[in-house]
């Protein structure tokens, strides 16, 4: 029987067609990463410190900020490390971890957007029953459920990706370990698994998206029934912000994982948008446009000023 030496580490080749731009990209992506962490930590600080924001909507926005802190942290530190001229190698275990946590956090966000849409549906369509339906217990169960099902989906795609033998080329033609590029390196026919993962990712994304569209369709039908103009304005403002964030989250999934013939340069551009730009914009889109958040932000800043004066 022929001995097969298994790959123990991979070499990340980086973003396609960016040779010679490493310094510029390092500064650009470091700035994105810094503002992503800063913006989402600020939102968390505001939500935790302000009792008026201890509501289901801001509870889920707080969890979204946690995901937006960790999601870019899966791939960005390693990318910044080799863009600064360091080693591009990543261990086999490191590659498995990257793929698992990337899909765990990405799927958790997809489920979380679905829960947030349901929360807005209940708040606008059934305002009198809102506190009963969205109790603390229900919110905790929904929040844990997003992580639980995200973990199941990530475990599934990671297991079927790395059950294949990797015994030949170890150069990953990308800036982190993801499903499409890893399957190309396998020493066995991956066409069946490609189809399985295509169906798995597609079904998960489509299910979440249809549930979100259903929730917002009901909201659109209910908004004209709101008597006050201020109530209608707030409903449209909140829902438009959520829908913008949802589109920014779901469009990259379609472009990267559901296209028939993957294009590395297009995937890289879209995935960087998804990994760094969207998490950086989410605090602005979902929270900082909100009057309650702005008021709470001023209160937090005033408290910080008082502490510094003492």
C-alpha atoms as a PDB file:
ATOM      1  CA  UNK A   1       0.000   0.000   0.000  1.00  0.00           C
ATOM      2  CA  UNK A   2       1.343   3.419  -1.009  1.00  0.00           C
ATOM      3  CA  UNK A   3       2.398   5.747   1.846  1.00  0.00           C
ATOM      4  CA  UNK A   4       0.717   9.143   1.741  1.00  0.00           C
ATOM      5  CA  UNK A   5       2.295  12.018   3.661  1.00  0.00           C
ATOM      6  CA  UNK A   6      -0.445  14.251   5.019  1.00  0.00           C
ATOM      7  CA  UNK A   7      -0.114  18.025   4.986  1.00  0.00           C
ATOM      8  CA  UNK A   8       0.713  19.452   8.442  1.00  0.00           C
ATOM      9  CA  UNK A   9       0.681  23.134   7.482  1.00  0.00           C
ATOM     10  CA  UNK A  10      -0.581  25.382   4.723  1.00  0.00           C
ATOM     11  CA  UNK A  11       0.822  28.471   3.040  1.00  0.00           C
ATOM     12  CA  UNK A  12      -1.602  31.379   2.654  1.00  0.00           C
ATOM     13  CA  UNK A  13      -0.778  33.120  -0.643  1.00  0.00           C
ATOM     14  CA  UNK A  14      -2.820  36.195   0.284  1.00  0.00           C
ATOM     15  CA  UNK A  15      -5.285  38.311  -1.667  1.00  0.00           C
ATOM     16  CA  UNK A  16      -5.086  37.500  -5.391  1.00  0.00           C
ATOM     17  CA  UNK A  17      -3.508  40.102  -7.724  1.00  0.00           C
ATOM     18  CA  UNK A  18      -2.218  42.394  -4.933  1.00  0.00           C
ATOM     19  CA  UNK A  19       1.527  41.796  -5.242  1.00  0.00           C
ATOM     20  CA  UNK A  20       3.508  44.891  -4.243  1.00  0.00           C
ATOM     21  CA  UNK A  21       0.559  46.473  -2.390  1.00  0.00           C
ATOM     22  CA  UNK A  22       1.233  44.822   0.963  1.00  0.00           C
ATOM     23  CA  UNK A  23       2.160  48.005   2.893  1.00  0.00           C
ATOM     24  CA  UNK A  24      -0.832  49.978   1.620  1.00  0.00           C
ATOM     25  CA  UNK A  25      -3.210  47.082   2.326  1.00  0.00           C
ATOM     26  CA  UNK A  26      -1.723  46.603   5.789  1.00  0.00           C
ATOM     27  CA  UNK A  27      -2.428  50.237   6.735  1.00  0.00           C
ATOM     28  CA  UNK A  28      -5.905  50.154   5.162  1.00  0.00           C
ATOM     29  CA  UNK A  29      -7.005  46.864   6.770  1.00  0.00           C
ATOM     30  CA  UNK A  30      -5.464  47.760  10.128  1.00  0.00           C
ATOM     31  CA  UNK A  31      -7.540  50.968  10.098  1.00  0.00           C
ATOM     32  CA  UNK A  32     -10.708  49.019   9.246  1.00  0.00           C
ATOM     33  CA  UNK A  33      -9.998  46.475  11.980  1.00  0.00           C
ATOM     34  CA  UNK A  34      -9.261  49.161  14.583  1.00  0.00           C
ATOM     35  CA  UNK A  35     -12.463  51.107  13.864  1.00  0.00           C
ATOM     36  CA  UNK A  36     -14.466  47.853  13.805  1.00  0.00           C
ATOM     37  CA  UNK A  37     -13.279  46.967  17.308  1.00  0.00           C
ATOM     38  CA  UNK A  38     -13.663  50.541  18.563  1.00  0.00           C
ATOM     39  CA  UNK A  39     -17.204  51.016  17.193  1.00  0.00           C
ATOM     40  CA  UNK A  40     -18.550  47.705  18.444  1.00  0.00           C
ATOM     41  CA  UNK A  41     -16.908  48.004  21.875  1.00  0.00           C
ATOM     42  CA  UNK A  42     -18.467  51.461  22.168  1.00  0.00           C
ATOM     43  CA  UNK A  43     -21.924  50.077  21.340  1.00  0.00           C
ATOM     44  CA  UNK A  44     -21.460  47.317  23.945  1.00  0.00           C
ATOM     45  CA  UNK A  45     -20.378  49.871  26.549  1.00  0.00           C
ATOM     46  CA  UNK A  46     -23.418  52.053  25.825  1.00  0.00           C
ATOM     47  CA  UNK A  47     -25.887  49.152  25.952  1.00  0.00           C
ATOM     48  CA  UNK A  48     -24.450  47.661  29.156  1.00  0.00           C
ATOM     49  CA  UNK A  49     -24.145  50.982  31.007  1.00  0.00           C
ATOM     50  CA  UNK A  50     -27.530  52.478  30.051  1.00  0.00           C
ATOM     51  CA  UNK A  51     -30.560  50.934  31.791  1.00  0.00           C
ATOM     52  CA  UNK A  52     -32.944  52.505  29.252  1.00  0.00           C
ATOM     53  CA  UNK A  53     -31.356  50.298  26.587  1.00  0.00           C
ATOM     54  CA  UNK A  54     -31.952  47.066  28.507  1.00  0.00           C
ATOM     55  CA  UNK A  55     -34.635  45.946  26.055  1.00  0.00           C
ATOM     56  CA  UNK A  56     -34.803  42.927  23.700  1.00  0.00           C
ATOM     57  CA  UNK A  57     -33.864  44.978  20.620  1.00  0.00           C
ATOM     58  CA  UNK A  58     -30.671  46.326  22.200  1.00  0.00           C
ATOM     59  CA  UNK A  59     -29.908  42.970  23.803  1.00  0.00           C
ATOM     60  CA  UNK A  60     -29.756  41.430  20.324  1.00  0.00           C
ATOM     61  CA  UNK A  61     -27.818  44.438  18.986  1.00  0.00           C
ATOM     62  CA  UNK A  62     -25.337  43.862  21.811  1.00  0.00           C
ATOM     63  CA  UNK A  63     -24.890  40.256  20.744  1.00  0.00           C
ATOM     64  CA  UNK A  64     -24.460  41.430  17.137  1.00  0.00           C
ATOM     65  CA  UNK A  65     -21.662  43.733  18.328  1.00  0.00           C
ATOM     66  CA  UNK A  66     -19.982  40.794  20.099  1.00  0.00           C
ATOM     67  CA  UNK A  67     -20.152  38.770  16.860  1.00  0.00           C
ATOM     68  CA  UNK A  68     -18.828  41.764  14.900  1.00  0.00           C
ATOM     69  CA  UNK A  69     -15.830  41.949  17.234  1.00  0.00           C
ATOM     70  CA  UNK A  70     -14.922  38.273  16.904  1.00  0.00           C
ATOM     71  CA  UNK A  71     -15.941  37.697  13.260  1.00  0.00           C
ATOM     72  CA  UNK A  72     -13.183  39.838  11.678  1.00  0.00           C
ATOM     73  CA  UNK A  73     -10.769  38.596  14.364  1.00  0.00           C
ATOM     74  CA  UNK A  74     -10.879  35.094  12.816  1.00  0.00           C
ATOM     75  CA  UNK A  75      -8.962  36.087   9.681  1.00  0.00           C
ATOM     76  CA  UNK A  76      -7.715  39.680  10.099  1.00  0.00           C
ATOM     77  CA  UNK A  77      -4.860  39.208  12.635  1.00  0.00           C
ATOM     78  CA  UNK A  78      -3.201  36.503  10.501  1.00  0.00           C
ATOM     79  CA  UNK A  79      -3.740  38.567   7.339  1.00  0.00           C
ATOM     80  CA  UNK A  80      -2.200  41.657   8.963  1.00  0.00           C
ATOM     81  CA  UNK A  81       0.650  39.487  10.303  1.00  0.00           C
ATOM     82  CA  UNK A  82       1.791  38.342   6.864  1.00  0.00           C
ATOM     83  CA  UNK A  83       1.023  41.674   5.169  1.00  0.00           C
ATOM     84  CA  UNK A  84       3.589  43.185   7.548  1.00  0.00           C
ATOM     85  CA  UNK A  85       6.219  40.844   6.116  1.00  0.00           C
ATOM     86  CA  UNK A  86       5.958  37.877   8.487  1.00  0.00           C
ATOM     87  CA  UNK A  87       5.414  34.189   7.781  1.00  0.00           C
ATOM     88  CA  UNK A  88       2.422  33.175   5.677  1.00  0.00           C
ATOM     89  CA  UNK A  89       2.327  29.660   7.113  1.00  0.00           C
ATOM     90  CA  UNK A  90      -0.638  28.376   9.089  1.00  0.00           C
ATOM     91  CA  UNK A  91      -0.824  24.989  10.815  1.00  0.00           C
ATOM     92  CA  UNK A  92      -3.387  22.357   9.843  1.00  0.00           C
ATOM     93  CA  UNK A  93      -5.159  22.844  13.196  1.00  0.00           C
ATOM     94  CA  UNK A  94      -5.045  26.625  12.721  1.00  0.00           C
ATOM     95  CA  UNK A  95      -6.642  26.248   9.305  1.00  0.00           C
ATOM     96  CA  UNK A  96      -9.414  24.032  10.715  1.00  0.00           C
ATOM     97  CA  UNK A  97     -10.004  26.566  13.502  1.00  0.00           C
ATOM     98  CA  UNK A  98     -10.194  29.462  11.035  1.00  0.00           C
ATOM     99  CA  UNK A  99     -12.792  27.728   8.902  1.00  0.00           C
ATOM    100  CA  UNK A 100     -14.869  26.577  11.895  1.00  0.00           C
ATOM    101  CA  UNK A 101     -14.983  29.916  13.724  1.00  0.00           C
ATOM    102  CA  UNK A 102     -15.534  31.870  10.521  1.00  0.00           C
ATOM    103  CA  UNK A 103     -18.659  29.832   9.730  1.00  0.00           C
ATOM    104  CA  UNK A 104     -19.743  29.596  13.369  1.00  0.00           C
ATOM    105  CA  UNK A 105     -19.775  33.387  13.782  1.00  0.00           C
ATOM    106  CA  UNK A 106     -21.106  34.009  10.263  1.00  0.00           C
ATOM    107  CA  UNK A 107     -24.004  31.554  10.715  1.00  0.00           C
ATOM    108  CA  UNK A 108     -24.703  32.902  14.199  1.00  0.00           C
ATOM    109  CA  UNK A 109     -25.058  36.378  12.695  1.00  0.00           C
ATOM    110  CA  UNK A 110     -27.447  35.077  10.025  1.00  0.00           C
ATOM    111  CA  UNK A 111     -29.643  33.464  12.688  1.00  0.00           C
ATOM    112  CA  UNK A 112     -29.333  36.592  14.821  1.00  0.00           C
ATOM    113  CA  UNK A 113     -30.597  38.820  12.003  1.00  0.00           C
ATOM    114  CA  UNK A 114     -33.583  36.475  11.722  1.00  0.00           C
ATOM    115  CA  UNK A 115     -34.289  36.790  15.448  1.00  0.00           C
ATOM    116  CA  UNK A 116     -33.923  40.585  15.259  1.00  0.00           C
ATOM    117  CA  UNK A 117     -36.466  40.677  12.424  1.00  0.00           C
ATOM    118  CA  UNK A 118     -38.863  38.577  14.544  1.00  0.00           C
ATOM    119  CA  UNK A 119     -38.328  40.961  17.473  1.00  0.00           C
ATOM    120  CA  UNK A 120     -39.284  43.969  15.313  1.00  0.00           C
ATOM    121  CA  UNK A 121     -42.277  42.023  13.952  1.00  0.00           C
ATOM    122  CA  UNK A 122     -43.609  41.390  17.461  1.00  0.00           C
ATOM    123  CA  UNK A 123     -42.858  44.975  18.605  1.00  0.00           C
ATOM    124  CA  UNK A 124     -44.723  46.588  15.688  1.00  0.00           C
ATOM    125  CA  UNK A 125     -47.487  44.071  14.957  1.00  0.00           C
ATOM    126  CA  UNK A 126     -48.266  43.047  18.564  1.00  0.00           C
ATOM    127  CA  UNK A 127     -47.129  46.005  20.729  1.00  0.00           C
ATOM    128  CA  UNK A 128     -49.480  45.221  23.639  1.00  0.00           C
ATOM    129  CA  UNK A 129     -48.151  41.657  23.949  1.00  0.00           C
ATOM    130  CA  UNK A 130     -44.509  42.551  23.242  1.00  0.00           C
ATOM    131  CA  UNK A 131     -43.180  42.348  26.813  1.00  0.00           C
ATOM    132  CA  UNK A 132     -44.972  39.050  27.396  1.00  0.00           C
ATOM    133  CA  UNK A 133     -43.822  37.430  24.133  1.00  0.00           C
ATOM    134  CA  UNK A 134     -40.248  38.776  24.263  1.00  0.00           C
ATOM    135  CA  UNK A 135     -39.606  38.033  27.927  1.00  0.00           C
ATOM    136  CA  UNK A 136     -36.077  37.776  29.361  1.00  0.00           C
ATOM    137  CA  UNK A 137     -36.313  33.987  29.213  1.00  0.00           C
ATOM    138  CA  UNK A 138     -37.411  33.977  25.552  1.00  0.00           C
ATOM    139  CA  UNK A 139     -34.644  36.431  24.606  1.00  0.00           C
ATOM    140  CA  UNK A 140     -32.032  34.269  26.342  1.00  0.00           C
ATOM    141  CA  UNK A 141     -33.298  31.129  24.581  1.00  0.00           C
ATOM    142  CA  UNK A 142     -33.303  32.874  21.183  1.00  0.00           C
ATOM    143  CA  UNK A 143     -29.797  34.266  21.740  1.00  0.00           C
ATOM    144  CA  UNK A 144     -28.430  30.856  22.788  1.00  0.00           C
ATOM    145  CA  UNK A 145     -30.286  29.244  19.886  1.00  0.00           C
ATOM    146  CA  UNK A 146     -28.484  31.431  17.340  1.00  0.00           C
ATOM    147  CA  UNK A 147     -25.116  30.257  18.687  1.00  0.00           C
ATOM    148  CA  UNK A 148     -26.240  26.636  19.004  1.00  0.00           C
ATOM    149  CA  UNK A 149     -27.460  26.348  15.406  1.00  0.00           C
ATOM    150  CA  UNK A 150     -24.465  28.357  14.198  1.00  0.00           C
ATOM    151  CA  UNK A 151     -22.217  25.805  15.913  1.00  0.00           C
ATOM    152  CA  UNK A 152     -24.076  22.883  14.311  1.00  0.00           C
ATOM    153  CA  UNK A 153     -23.776  24.395  10.827  1.00  0.00           C
ATOM    154  CA  UNK A 154     -20.093  25.250  11.308  1.00  0.00           C
ATOM    155  CA  UNK A 155     -19.308  21.779  12.680  1.00  0.00           C
ATOM    156  CA  UNK A 156     -21.016  20.177   9.685  1.00  0.00           C
ATOM    157  CA  UNK A 157     -19.194  22.184   6.984  1.00  0.00           C
ATOM    158  CA  UNK A 158     -15.842  21.946   8.791  1.00  0.00           C
ATOM    159  CA  UNK A 159     -16.145  18.167   9.260  1.00  0.00           C
ATOM    160  CA  UNK A 160     -17.009  17.414   5.649  1.00  0.00           C
ATOM    161  CA  UNK A 161     -14.300  19.800   4.391  1.00  0.00           C
ATOM    162  CA  UNK A 162     -11.498  18.244   6.451  1.00  0.00           C
ATOM    163  CA  UNK A 163     -12.604  14.627   6.185  1.00  0.00           C
ATOM    164  CA  UNK A 164     -10.929  14.736   2.767  1.00  0.00           C
ATOM    165  CA  UNK A 165      -7.227  13.836   2.600  1.00  0.00           C
ATOM    166  CA  UNK A 166      -4.799  16.735   2.131  1.00  0.00           C
ATOM    167  CA  UNK A 167      -1.585  15.137   0.970  1.00  0.00           C
ATOM    168  CA  UNK A 168      -0.350  17.166  -1.993  1.00  0.00           C
ATOM    169  CA  UNK A 169      -0.137  20.917  -2.612  1.00  0.00           C
ATOM    170  CA  UNK A 170      -0.406  23.069   0.513  1.00  0.00           C
ATOM    171  CA  UNK A 171      -0.568  26.558  -1.053  1.00  0.00           C
ATOM    172  CA  UNK A 172      -3.927  28.175  -0.243  1.00  0.00           C
ATOM    173  CA  UNK A 173      -4.615  30.685  -3.014  1.00  0.00           C
ATOM    174  CA  UNK A 174      -6.406  33.019  -0.637  1.00  0.00           C
ATOM    175  CA  UNK A 175      -5.861  35.078   2.515  1.00  0.00           C
ATOM    176  CA  UNK A 176      -7.509  32.622   4.927  1.00  0.00           C
ATOM    177  CA  UNK A 177      -8.815  29.038   5.001  1.00  0.00           C
ATOM    178  CA  UNK A 178     -12.328  28.833   3.550  1.00  0.00           C
ATOM    179  CA  UNK A 179     -14.394  26.070   1.961  1.00  0.00           C
ATOM    180  CA  UNK A 180     -13.963  26.775  -1.797  1.00  0.00           C
ATOM    181  CA  UNK A 181     -10.162  27.127  -1.693  1.00  0.00           C
ATOM    182  CA  UNK A 182      -9.616  24.204   0.677  1.00  0.00           C
ATOM    183  CA  UNK A 183     -11.619  21.762  -1.436  1.00  0.00           C
ATOM    184  CA  UNK A 184      -9.327  22.537  -4.378  1.00  0.00           C
ATOM    185  CA  UNK A 185      -6.334  21.232  -2.405  1.00  0.00           C
ATOM    186  CA  UNK A 186      -7.903  17.901  -1.464  1.00  0.00           C
ATOM    187  CA  UNK A 187      -6.307  14.709  -2.814  1.00  0.00           C
ATOM    188  CA  UNK A 188      -9.703  13.196  -3.614  1.00  0.00           C
ATOM    189  CA  UNK A 189     -12.719  14.036  -5.709  1.00  0.00           C
ATOM    190  CA  UNK A 190     -14.558  16.836  -3.866  1.00  0.00           C
ATOM    191  CA  UNK A 191     -17.384  17.418  -6.351  1.00  0.00           C
ATOM    192  CA  UNK A 192     -19.989  15.611  -4.214  1.00  0.00           C
ATOM    193  CA  UNK A 193     -18.956  17.490  -1.084  1.00  0.00           C
ATOM    194  CA  UNK A 194     -19.004  20.764  -3.008  1.00  0.00           C
ATOM    195  CA  UNK A 195     -22.631  20.081  -3.881  1.00  0.00           C
ATOM    196  CA  UNK A 196     -23.462  19.104  -0.273  1.00  0.00           C
ATOM    197  CA  UNK A 197     -21.907  22.292   1.093  1.00  0.00           C
ATOM    198  CA  UNK A 198     -23.583  24.351  -1.641  1.00  0.00           C
ATOM    199  CA  UNK A 199     -26.966  22.940  -0.576  1.00  0.00           C
ATOM    200  CA  UNK A 200     -26.179  23.303   3.144  1.00  0.00           C
ATOM    201  CA  UNK A 201     -25.060  26.945   2.983  1.00  0.00           C
ATOM    202  CA  UNK A 202     -27.767  27.793   0.451  1.00  0.00           C
ATOM    203  CA  UNK A 203     -30.572  26.210   2.504  1.00  0.00           C
ATOM    204  CA  UNK A 204     -29.443  27.920   5.722  1.00  0.00           C
ATOM    205  CA  UNK A 205     -29.116  31.343   4.077  1.00  0.00           C
ATOM    206  CA  UNK A 206     -32.346  31.041   2.093  1.00  0.00           C
ATOM    207  CA  UNK A 207     -34.336  29.886   5.148  1.00  0.00           C
ATOM    208  CA  UNK A 208     -33.118  32.815   7.232  1.00  0.00           C
ATOM    209  CA  UNK A 209     -33.687  35.278   4.402  1.00  0.00           C
ATOM    210  CA  UNK A 210     -37.257  34.058   3.750  1.00  0.00           C
ATOM    211  CA  UNK A 211     -38.113  34.307   7.458  1.00  0.00           C
ATOM    212  CA  UNK A 212     -36.681  37.839   7.534  1.00  0.00           C
ATOM    213  CA  UNK A 213     -38.633  38.862   4.423  1.00  0.00           C
ATOM    214  CA  UNK A 214     -41.816  37.365   5.925  1.00  0.00           C
ATOM    215  CA  UNK A 215     -41.329  39.353   9.152  1.00  0.00           C
ATOM    216  CA  UNK A 216     -40.705  42.633   7.349  1.00  0.00           C
ATOM    217  CA  UNK A 217     -43.587  42.058   4.933  1.00  0.00           C
ATOM    218  CA  UNK A 218     -45.920  41.793   7.943  1.00  0.00           C
ATOM    219  CA  UNK A 219     -44.319  44.915   9.406  1.00  0.00           C
ATOM    220  CA  UNK A 220     -44.863  46.888   6.187  1.00  0.00           C
ATOM    221  CA  UNK A 221     -48.536  45.892   6.239  1.00  0.00           C
ATOM    222  CA  UNK A 222     -48.879  46.911   9.901  1.00  0.00           C
ATOM    223  CA  UNK A 223     -47.040  50.265   9.842  1.00  0.00           C
ATOM    224  CA  UNK A 224     -49.909  52.222   8.153  1.00  0.00           C
ATOM    225  CA  UNK A 225     -52.131  51.150  11.079  1.00  0.00           C
ATOM    226  CA  UNK A 226     -49.889  53.019  13.549  1.00  0.00           C
ATOM    227  CA  UNK A 227     -51.826  56.181  14.422  1.00  0.00           C
ATOM    228  CA  UNK A 228     -48.990  58.596  15.270  1.00  0.00           C
ATOM    229  CA  UNK A 229     -46.684  59.972  12.580  1.00  0.00           C
ATOM    230  CA  UNK A 230     -43.741  59.708  15.026  1.00  0.00           C
ATOM    231  CA  UNK A 231     -44.495  56.011  15.585  1.00  0.00           C
ATOM    232  CA  UNK A 232     -44.560  55.324  11.857  1.00  0.00           C
ATOM    233  CA  UNK A 233     -41.309  57.245  11.365  1.00  0.00           C
ATOM    234  CA  UNK A 234     -39.543  55.313  14.131  1.00  0.00           C
ATOM    235  CA  UNK A 235     -40.781  51.984  12.774  1.00  0.00           C
ATOM    236  CA  UNK A 236     -39.556  52.750   9.246  1.00  0.00           C
ATOM    237  CA  UNK A 237     -36.242  54.144  10.542  1.00  0.00           C
ATOM    238  CA  UNK A 238     -35.478  51.080  12.680  1.00  0.00           C
ATOM    239  CA  UNK A 239     -36.556  48.576  10.027  1.00  0.00           C
ATOM    240  CA  UNK A 240     -34.694  50.317   7.192  1.00  0.00           C
ATOM    241  CA  UNK A 241     -31.496  50.258   9.280  1.00  0.00           C
ATOM    242  CA  UNK A 242     -31.930  46.545  10.018  1.00  0.00           C
ATOM    243  CA  UNK A 243     -32.678  45.722   6.376  1.00  0.00           C
ATOM    244  CA  UNK A 244     -29.556  47.589   5.234  1.00  0.00           C
ATOM    245  CA  UNK A 245     -27.415  45.554   7.647  1.00  0.00           C
ATOM    246  CA  UNK A 246     -29.147  42.336   6.541  1.00  0.00           C
ATOM    247  CA  UNK A 247     -28.484  43.007   2.854  1.00  0.00           C
ATOM    248  CA  UNK A 248     -24.814  43.751   3.607  1.00  0.00           C
ATOM    249  CA  UNK A 249     -24.595  40.428   5.475  1.00  0.00           C
ATOM    250  CA  UNK A 250     -26.454  38.161   3.029  1.00  0.00           C
ATOM    251  CA  UNK A 251     -25.224  39.467  -0.349  1.00  0.00           C
ATOM    252  CA  UNK A 252     -21.605  38.276   0.210  1.00  0.00           C
ATOM    253  CA  UNK A 253     -22.889  34.782   1.136  1.00  0.00           C
ATOM    254  CA  UNK A 254     -24.672  34.530  -2.219  1.00  0.00           C
ATOM    255  CA  UNK A 255     -21.711  35.890  -4.194  1.00  0.00           C
ATOM    256  CA  UNK A 256     -19.072  33.727  -2.492  1.00  0.00           C
ATOM    257  CA  UNK A 257     -20.704  30.362  -1.789  1.00  0.00           C
ATOM    258  CA  UNK A 258     -23.563  30.111  -4.276  1.00  0.00           C
ATOM    259  CA  UNK A 259     -21.884  31.123  -7.536  1.00  0.00           C
ATOM    260  CA  UNK A 260     -21.403  28.256 -10.052  1.00  0.00           C
ATOM    261  CA  UNK A 261     -17.798  29.126 -10.957  1.00  0.00           C
ATOM    262  CA  UNK A 262     -15.862  30.822  -8.119  1.00  0.00           C
ATOM    263  CA  UNK A 263     -13.692  33.830  -9.050  1.00  0.00           C
ATOM    264  CA  UNK A 264     -10.880  34.262  -6.480  1.00  0.00           C
ATOM    265  CA  UNK A 265     -10.407  38.011  -6.968  1.00  0.00           C
ATOM    266  CA  UNK A 266     -14.162  38.701  -6.727  1.00  0.00           C
ATOM    267  CA  UNK A 267     -14.490  36.411  -3.701  1.00  0.00           C
ATOM    268  CA  UNK A 268     -11.592  38.187  -1.965  1.00  0.00           C
ATOM    269  CA  UNK A 269     -13.048  41.664  -2.568  1.00  0.00           C
ATOM    270  CA  UNK A 270     -16.521  40.624  -1.393  1.00  0.00           C
ATOM    271  CA  UNK A 271     -15.181  38.685   1.595  1.00  0.00           C
ATOM    272  CA  UNK A 272     -13.051  41.616   2.775  1.00  0.00           C
ATOM    273  CA  UNK A 273     -16.188  43.748   2.551  1.00  0.00           C
ATOM    274  CA  UNK A 274     -17.990  41.101   4.624  1.00  0.00           C
ATOM    275  CA  UNK A 275     -15.137  40.534   7.109  1.00  0.00           C
ATOM    276  CA  UNK A 276     -14.034  44.103   7.811  1.00  0.00           C
ATOM    277  CA  UNK A 277     -16.260  46.770   6.270  1.00  0.00           C
ATOM    278  CA  UNK A 278     -19.704  45.430   7.248  1.00  0.00           C
ATOM    279  CA  UNK A 279     -18.779  44.864  10.946  1.00  0.00           C
ATOM    280  CA  UNK A 280     -17.307  48.375  10.969  1.00  0.00           C
ATOM    281  CA  UNK A 281     -20.508  49.898   9.514  1.00  0.00           C
ATOM    282  CA  UNK A 282     -22.998  47.914  11.623  1.00  0.00           C
ATOM    283  CA  UNK A 283     -22.696  50.191  14.700  1.00  0.00           C
ATOM    284  CA  UNK A 284     -23.433  53.214  12.484  1.00  0.00           C
ATOM    285  CA  UNK A 285     -26.276  51.539  10.593  1.00  0.00           C
ATOM    286  CA  UNK A 286     -28.029  49.746  13.457  1.00  0.00           C
ATOM    287  CA  UNK A 287     -27.331  51.851  16.530  1.00  0.00           C
ATOM    288  CA  UNK A 288     -25.665  55.240  16.304  1.00  0.00           C
ATOM    289  CA  UNK A 289     -28.444  56.661  14.079  1.00  0.00           C
ATOM    290  CA  UNK A 290     -30.911  55.945  16.889  1.00  0.00           C
ATOM    291  CA  UNK A 291     -31.910  58.842  19.194  1.00  0.00           C
ATOM    292  CA  UNK A 292     -31.917  56.632  22.307  1.00  0.00           C
ATOM    293  CA  UNK A 293     -28.401  55.408  21.564  1.00  0.00           C
ATOM    294  CA  UNK A 294     -27.186  58.958  20.875  1.00  0.00           C
ATOM    295  CA  UNK A 295     -28.663  60.117  24.187  1.00  0.00           C
ATOM    296  CA  UNK A 296     -27.061  57.194  26.043  1.00  0.00           C
ATOM    297  CA  UNK A 297     -23.736  57.865  24.304  1.00  0.00           C
ATOM    298  CA  UNK A 298     -23.797  61.486  25.537  1.00  0.00           C
ATOM    299  CA  UNK A 299     -24.536  60.263  29.066  1.00  0.00           C
ATOM    300  CA  UNK A 300     -21.641  57.796  28.955  1.00  0.00           C
ATOM    301  CA  UNK A 301     -19.248  60.456  27.641  1.00  0.00           C
ATOM    302  CA  UNK A 302     -20.394  62.875  30.360  1.00  0.00           C
ATOM    303  CA  UNK A 303     -19.762  60.214  33.012  1.00  0.00           C
ATOM    304  CA  UNK A 304     -16.288  59.587  31.581  1.00  0.00           C
ATOM    305  CA  UNK A 305     -15.563  63.338  31.690  1.00  0.00           C
ATOM    306  CA  UNK A 306     -16.666  63.498  35.331  1.00  0.00           C
ATOM    307  CA  UNK A 307     -14.430  60.529  36.203  1.00  0.00           C
ATOM    308  CA  UNK A 308     -11.436  62.135  34.469  1.00  0.00           C
ATOM    309  CA  UNK A 309     -12.006  65.417  36.353  1.00  0.00           C
ATOM    310  CA  UNK A 310     -12.002  63.583  39.696  1.00  0.00           C
END
